[in-house]
C-alpha atoms as a PDB file:
ATOM      1  CA  MET A   1       3.983   8.265 -34.451  1.00  0.00           C
ATOM      2  CA  ILE A   2       7.103   6.117 -34.411  1.00  0.00           C
ATOM      3  CA  LYS A   3       8.717   8.475 -31.911  1.00  0.00           C
ATOM      4  CA  VAL A   4       5.715   8.155 -29.595  1.00  0.00           C
ATOM      5  CA  LEU A   5       5.792   4.351 -29.828  1.00  0.00           C
ATOM      6  CA  LEU A   6       9.531   4.299 -29.168  1.00  0.00           C
ATOM      7  CA  MET A   7       9.066   6.635 -26.219  1.00  0.00           C
ATOM      8  CA  LEU A   8       6.261   4.480 -24.771  1.00  0.00           C
ATOM      9  CA  HIS A   9       8.273   1.325 -25.361  1.00  0.00           C
ATOM     10  CA  GLY A  10      11.288   2.919 -23.669  1.00  0.00           C
ATOM     11  CA  GLN A  11       9.163   3.914 -20.682  1.00  0.00           C
ATOM     12  CA  ALA A  12       7.770   0.385 -20.426  1.00  0.00           C
ATOM     13  CA  LEU A  13      11.299  -1.045 -20.540  1.00  0.00           C
ATOM     14  CA  ALA A  14      12.448   1.419 -17.869  1.00  0.00           C
ATOM     15  CA  GLN A  15       9.500   0.528 -15.646  1.00  0.00           C
ATOM     16  CA  GLY A  16      10.174  -3.189 -16.160  1.00  0.00           C
ATOM     17  CA  SER A  17      13.825  -2.686 -15.263  1.00  0.00           C
ATOM     18  CA  THR A  18      12.869  -0.785 -12.120  1.00  0.00           C
ATOM     19  CA  GLU A  19      10.461  -3.539 -11.069  1.00  0.00           C
ATOM     20  CA  GLN A  20      13.096  -6.198 -11.711  1.00  0.00           C
ATOM     21  CA  ALA A  21      15.641  -4.252  -9.665  1.00  0.00           C
ATOM     22  CA  SER A  22      13.144  -4.027  -6.826  1.00  0.00           C
ATOM     23  CA  SER A  23      12.443  -7.755  -7.039  1.00  0.00           C
ATOM     24  CA  ILE A  24      16.158  -8.515  -7.045  1.00  0.00           C
ATOM     25  CA  GLN A  25      16.610  -6.334  -3.948  1.00  0.00           C
ATOM     26  CA  GLU A  26      13.810  -8.197  -2.164  1.00  0.00           C
ATOM     27  CA  LEU A  27      15.316 -11.556  -3.141  1.00  0.00           C
ATOM     28  CA  THR A  28      18.733 -10.430  -1.924  1.00  0.00           C
ATOM     29  CA  GLU A  29      17.251  -9.427   1.435  1.00  0.00           C
ATOM     30  CA  SER A  30      15.432 -12.752   1.709  1.00  0.00           C
ATOM     31  CA  ILE A  31      18.562 -14.731   0.855  1.00  0.00           C
ATOM     32  CA  THR A  32      20.565 -12.710   3.385  1.00  0.00           C
ATOM     33  CA  GLY A  33      17.953 -13.434   6.051  1.00  0.00           C
ATOM     34  CA  ILE A  34      17.955 -17.141   5.231  1.00  0.00           C
ATOM     35  CA  SER A  35      21.753 -17.212   5.263  1.00  0.00           C
ATOM     36  CA  ASN A  36      21.839 -15.538   8.674  1.00  0.00           C
ATOM     37  CA  GLN A  37      19.290 -18.024  10.024  1.00  0.00           C
ATOM     38  CA  ILE A  38      21.336 -20.951   8.688  1.00  0.00           C
ATOM     39  CA  LYS A  39      24.426 -19.567  10.425  1.00  0.00           C
ATOM     40  CA  GLN A  40      22.509 -19.178  13.687  1.00  0.00           C
ATOM     41  CA  ASN A  41      21.138 -22.719  13.350  1.00  0.00           C
ATOM     42  CA  ALA A  42      24.695 -24.008  12.961  1.00  0.00           C
ATOM     43  CA  VAL A  43      25.783 -22.130  16.097  1.00  0.00           C
ATOM     44  CA  ASP A  44      22.785 -23.487  18.017  1.00  0.00           C
ATOM     45  CA  ALA A  45      23.403 -27.039  16.776  1.00  0.00           C
ATOM     46  CA  ASN A  46      27.043 -26.853  17.855  1.00  0.00           C
ATOM     47  CA  LEU A  47      26.011 -25.638  21.315  1.00  0.00           C
ATOM     48  CA  ALA A  48      23.462 -28.456  21.563  1.00  0.00           C
ATOM     49  CA  ARG A  49      26.185 -30.954  20.603  1.00  0.00           C
ATOM     50  CA  GLU A  50      28.506 -29.583  23.286  1.00  0.00           C
ATOM     51  CA  LEU A  51      25.779 -29.657  25.934  1.00  0.00           C
ATOM     52  CA  THR A  52      24.820 -33.200  24.949  1.00  0.00           C
ATOM     53  CA  ALA A  53      28.438 -34.310  25.297  1.00  0.00           C
ATOM     54  CA  GLU A  54      28.593 -32.704  28.754  1.00  0.00           C
ATOM     55  CA  VAL A  55      25.377 -34.443  29.810  1.00  0.00           C
ATOM     56  CA  MET A  56      26.806 -37.747  28.576  1.00  0.00           C
ATOM     57  CA  ARG A  57      30.011 -37.248  30.564  1.00  0.00           C
ATOM     58  CA  ASN A  58      28.008 -36.392  33.684  1.00  0.00           C
ATOM     59  CA  ALA A  59      25.769 -39.441  33.201  1.00  0.00           C
ATOM     60  CA  GLU A  60      28.816 -41.709  32.865  1.00  0.00           C
ATOM     61  CA  LYS A  61      30.362 -40.160  35.983  1.00  0.00           C
ATOM     62  CA  GLY A  62      27.094 -40.604  37.896  1.00  0.00           C
ATOM     63  CA  ASN A  63      26.868 -44.210  36.750  1.00  0.00           C
ATOM     64  CA  ALA A  64      30.432 -44.918  37.928  1.00  0.00           C
ATOM     65  CA  GLN A  65      29.671 -43.322  41.297  1.00  0.00           C
ATOM     66  CA  MET A  66      26.501 -45.388  41.622  1.00  0.00           C
ATOM     67  CA  ILE A  67      28.443 -48.594  40.945  1.00  0.00           C
ATOM     68  CA  GLU A  68      31.043 -47.567  43.523  1.00  0.00           C
ATOM     69  CA  MET A  69      28.298 -46.882  46.075  1.00  0.00           C
ATOM     70  CA  GLN A  70      26.649 -50.244  45.412  1.00  0.00           C
ATOM     71  CA  GLU A  71      29.992 -52.013  45.847  1.00  0.00           C
ATOM     72  CA  SER A  72      30.555 -50.168  49.136  1.00  0.00           C
ATOM     73  CA  MET A  73      27.087 -51.160  50.341  1.00  0.00           C
ATOM     74  CA  MET A  74      27.753 -54.797  49.463  1.00  0.00           C
ATOM     75  CA  THR A  75      31.052 -54.657  51.359  1.00  0.00           C
ATOM     76  CA  ILE A  76      29.313 -53.172  54.396  1.00  0.00           C
ATOM     77  CA  ASN A  77      26.572 -55.820  54.220  1.00  0.00           C
ATOM     78  CA  LEU A  78      29.126 -58.629  53.907  1.00  0.00           C
ATOM     79  CA  GLN A  79      31.147 -57.269  56.822  1.00  0.00           C
ATOM     80  CA  GLY A  80      28.003 -57.178  58.951  1.00  0.00           C
ATOM     81  CA  TYR A  81      27.062 -60.694  57.877  1.00  0.00           C
ATOM     82  CA  PHE A  82      30.484 -62.155  58.717  1.00  0.00           C
ATOM     83  CA  LYS A  83      30.654 -60.218  61.976  1.00  0.00           C
ATOM     84  CA  TYR A  84      27.559 -62.009  63.313  1.00  0.00           C
ATOM     85  CA  HIS A  85      28.138 -65.433  61.720  1.00  0.00           C
END
């Protein structure tokens, strides 16, 4: 009787260990997937930062060119004004 109980208890422990190992494997896979996604998010965020910086530089350049154009237009207008007055 004791041998049967020990055998059943041993089987239950073995089954529990197998289930825990399976759960640990699933958790490991999930953590690996999350880790990979975090790495990809970091890569994407860095690219977004670089693109944003490029857009900012282009906007500043465009703004400077617009100011230069406005100054040129004012000069042309003033030259025309003084030419006829």
